[in-house]
């Protein structure tokens, strides 16, 4: 900020703006009222929603669609998985992927959040399994080999039963001489 500016001092100081940006990095789905409450709680200063809006615009933080990622992601585990496949000499047609997933009720999460221009806001959300339709599928390069749907939560016995079923069907295809079972 230039030293010779005219007018009153800004209500939100650079320190407050930095703290607000750090908070938005953790919680990009905050609304303007929550941001004003944050400034009031942390710095004991009442600011209006308009002041927050102007500060965000001045800092080039805009409101855009959020990208959702699972909080439980583990990049180290993914790297270890790829390393093990390489060391075992597995080819892509040898691998059968089993994927358990679900669909939540719509409207449970905010779709938009604030972040600096050019950066998509990320919402780390814990994926709840209570109000979901679960499904599990086994995929190969040539498509889906087996798929099941559940209205209750996926548990260990259901998962083990699915794995036994897919393993048995692949084993039977291999015994019958069907070479398309891998991929």
Protein backbone atom coordinates (compact mmCIF):
# COMPACT_ATOMS: atom_id res chain seq x y z
CA UNK A 1 0.00 0.00 0.00
CA UNK A 2 1.39 3.43 -0.87
CA UNK A 3 2.40 5.57 2.11
CA UNK A 4 0.73 8.72 0.72
CA UNK A 5 -2.78 7.32 0.26
CA UNK A 6 -5.78 9.38 1.31
CA UNK A 7 -8.88 8.35 3.20
CA UNK A 8 -9.41 6.34 6.36
CA UNK A 9 -7.27 3.37 7.33
CA UNK A 10 -8.61 0.02 6.07
CA UNK A 11 -10.79 -1.88 8.52
CA UNK A 12 -9.07 -5.14 7.63
CA UNK A 13 -5.32 -4.84 8.13
CA UNK A 14 -2.84 -6.92 6.09
CA UNK A 15 -2.41 -9.23 9.11
CA UNK A 16 -6.17 -9.82 9.27
CA UNK A 17 -6.28 -10.40 5.52
CA UNK A 18 -3.46 -12.94 5.74
CA UNK A 19 -5.21 -14.78 8.58
CA UNK A 20 -8.45 -14.80 6.59
CA UNK A 21 -6.63 -16.25 3.55
CA UNK A 22 -5.07 -18.98 5.69
CA UNK A 23 -8.48 -19.83 7.11
CA UNK A 24 -9.98 -19.94 3.59
CA UNK A 25 -7.23 -22.33 2.51
CA UNK A 26 -8.46 -24.73 5.22
CA UNK A 27 -12.17 -24.02 4.85
CA UNK A 28 -12.90 -22.76 1.32
CA UNK A 29 -16.66 -23.19 1.79
CA UNK A 30 -16.98 -20.38 4.38
CA UNK A 31 -19.63 -17.80 3.56
CA UNK A 32 -19.09 -14.06 3.98
CA UNK A 33 -20.93 -13.93 7.31
CA UNK A 34 -18.72 -16.71 8.73
CA UNK A 35 -15.63 -14.79 7.55
CA UNK A 36 -16.84 -11.64 9.30
CA UNK A 37 -17.46 -13.68 12.47
CA UNK A 38 -13.93 -15.13 12.17
CA UNK A 39 -12.41 -11.61 12.02
CA UNK A 40 -14.55 -10.58 15.00
CA UNK A 41 -13.49 -13.61 17.07
CA UNK A 42 -9.79 -13.57 16.18
CA UNK A 43 -9.12 -9.81 16.11
CA UNK A 44 -12.06 -8.41 18.09
CA UNK A 45 -13.02 -6.11 15.23
CA UNK A 46 -16.51 -5.78 13.76
CA UNK A 47 -16.45 -5.72 9.96
CA UNK A 48 -19.27 -5.84 7.47
CA UNK A 49 -19.88 -8.45 4.80
CA UNK A 50 -19.19 -5.76 2.19
CA UNK A 51 -15.76 -5.10 3.71
CA UNK A 52 -14.96 -8.82 3.56
CA UNK A 53 -16.14 -8.95 -0.07
CA UNK A 54 -13.95 -5.97 -1.04
CA UNK A 55 -10.93 -7.46 0.75
CA UNK A 56 -11.36 -10.76 -1.08
CA UNK A 57 -11.64 -8.95 -4.42
CA UNK A 58 -8.54 -6.86 -3.63
CA UNK A 59 -6.64 -10.09 -2.85
CA UNK A 60 -8.01 -11.70 -6.05
CA UNK A 61 -9.89 -14.43 -4.19
CA UNK A 62 -12.98 -15.39 -6.15
CA UNK A 63 -15.98 -17.67 -5.67
CA UNK A 64 -15.88 -20.79 -7.86
CA UNK A 65 -16.88 -24.44 -8.08
CA UNK A 66 -15.00 -26.66 -5.60
CA UNK A 67 -13.20 -29.89 -6.38
CA UNK A 68 -13.95 -32.56 -3.76
CA UNK A 69 -11.31 -35.05 -2.67
CA UNK A 70 -11.42 -37.72 -0.02
CA UNK A 71 -9.79 -36.81 3.26
CA UNK A 72 -8.59 -40.40 3.58
CA UNK A 73 -6.28 -40.28 0.51
CA UNK A 74 -2.77 -41.59 1.11
CA UNK A 75 -0.25 -40.73 -1.65
CA UNK A 76 2.45 -42.89 -0.04
CA UNK A 77 0.17 -45.93 -0.19
CA UNK A 78 -0.58 -45.29 -3.88
CA UNK A 79 3.14 -45.06 -4.64
CA UNK A 80 3.79 -48.33 -2.74
CA UNK A 81 0.99 -50.04 -4.69
CA UNK A 82 2.48 -49.04 -8.06
CA UNK A 83 5.95 -50.10 -6.88
CA UNK A 84 4.68 -53.55 -5.82
CA UNK A 85 2.94 -54.10 -9.17
CA UNK A 86 6.15 -53.22 -11.01
CA UNK A 87 8.28 -55.52 -8.84
CA UNK A 88 5.84 -58.43 -9.31
CA UNK A 89 6.06 -58.03 -13.07
CA UNK A 90 2.31 -57.50 -13.45
CA UNK A 91 1.02 -56.31 -16.78
CA UNK A 92 -2.15 -54.30 -17.17
CA UNK A 93 -4.06 -57.31 -18.52
CA UNK A 94 -3.20 -59.34 -15.41
CA UNK A 95 -4.89 -56.93 -13.04
CA UNK A 96 -8.50 -57.02 -11.86
CA UNK A 97 -9.52 -53.88 -10.00
CA UNK A 98 -12.13 -54.09 -7.28
CA UNK A 99 -13.75 -50.76 -6.53
CA UNK A 100 -16.22 -50.09 -3.73
CA UNK A 101 -18.00 -46.80 -4.05
CA UNK A 102 -21.26 -45.08 -3.21
CA UNK A 103 -23.61 -42.29 -4.07
CA UNK A 104 -24.60 -39.75 -1.41
CA UNK A 105 -27.81 -37.82 -1.22
CA UNK A 106 -27.52 -34.70 -3.37
CA UNK A 107 -27.24 -31.32 -1.72
CA UNK A 108 -25.26 -32.45 1.33
CA UNK A 109 -22.16 -30.43 0.44
CA UNK A 110 -21.57 -26.92 -0.80
CA UNK A 111 -20.57 -26.87 -4.44
CA UNK A 112 -18.74 -23.53 -4.45
CA UNK A 113 -15.93 -22.04 -2.39
CA UNK A 114 -13.39 -19.20 -2.42
CA UNK A 115 -9.75 -19.37 -3.45
CA UNK A 116 -7.15 -17.26 -5.27
CA UNK A 117 -7.69 -16.82 -9.00
CA UNK A 118 -6.31 -19.70 -11.04
CA UNK A 119 -6.56 -22.21 -8.17
CA UNK A 120 -9.58 -24.46 -7.69
CA UNK A 121 -10.84 -24.62 -4.10
CA UNK A 122 -10.61 -28.11 -2.61
CA UNK A 123 -13.09 -29.38 -0.07
CA UNK A 124 -11.74 -32.22 2.04
CA UNK A 125 -14.81 -34.13 3.07
CA UNK A 126 -15.29 -37.22 5.11
CA UNK A 127 -17.39 -39.53 2.99
CA UNK A 128 -20.36 -40.67 5.06
CA UNK A 129 -21.76 -44.10 4.41
CA UNK A 130 -25.09 -43.90 6.29
CA UNK A 131 -27.25 -42.28 3.63
CA UNK A 132 -25.58 -43.81 0.60
CA UNK A 133 -26.23 -46.45 -2.00
CA UNK A 134 -23.13 -48.61 -2.10
CA UNK A 135 -21.88 -50.57 -5.08
CA UNK A 136 -18.87 -52.75 -5.70
CA UNK A 137 -17.50 -53.76 -9.06
CA UNK A 138 -14.60 -55.75 -10.51
CA UNK A 139 -13.03 -54.18 -13.60
CA UNK A 140 -10.53 -55.38 -16.17
CA UNK A 141 -9.26 -53.79 -19.36
CA UNK A 142 -12.25 -55.23 -21.21
CA UNK A 143 -14.91 -53.93 -18.85
CA UNK A 144 -16.90 -54.86 -15.76
CA UNK A 145 -16.69 -58.53 -14.73
CA UNK A 146 -19.05 -58.38 -11.74
CA UNK A 147 -21.09 -55.66 -10.01
CA UNK A 148 -23.32 -55.61 -6.90
CA UNK A 149 -25.45 -52.89 -5.30
CA UNK A 150 -26.30 -52.45 -1.60
CA UNK A 151 -28.54 -50.08 0.34
CA UNK A 152 -26.66 -50.79 3.54
CA UNK A 153 -23.06 -50.06 4.40
CA UNK A 154 -20.30 -52.20 2.92
CA UNK A 155 -18.74 -54.47 5.53
CA UNK A 156 -16.05 -57.12 5.66
CA UNK A 157 -18.25 -60.21 5.06
CA UNK A 158 -19.87 -58.59 1.99
CA UNK A 159 -16.48 -57.60 0.61
CA UNK A 160 -14.98 -61.04 1.22
CA UNK A 161 -17.97 -62.73 -0.43
CA UNK A 162 -17.59 -60.49 -3.48
CA UNK A 163 -13.86 -61.23 -3.73
CA UNK A 164 -14.49 -64.98 -3.45
CA UNK A 165 -17.12 -64.80 -6.18
CA UNK A 166 -14.89 -62.88 -8.59
CA UNK A 167 -11.87 -65.08 -7.84
CA UNK A 168 -13.92 -68.24 -8.39
CA UNK A 169 -15.33 -66.99 -11.70
CA UNK A 170 -11.85 -65.97 -12.95
CA UNK A 171 -10.42 -69.33 -11.86
CA UNK A 172 -13.21 -71.21 -13.67
CA UNK A 173 -12.60 -69.20 -16.86
CA UNK A 174 -8.86 -69.94 -16.62
CA UNK A 175 -9.52 -73.69 -16.14
CA UNK A 176 -11.86 -73.71 -19.13
CA UNK A 177 -9.12 -72.26 -21.33
CA UNK A 178 -10.75 -68.86 -21.78
CA UNK A 179 -7.79 -66.52 -22.22
CA UNK A 180 -9.94 -63.38 -22.17
CA UNK A 181 -10.39 -63.54 -18.39
CA UNK A 182 -7.38 -61.30 -17.71
CA UNK A 183 -8.32 -58.39 -19.79
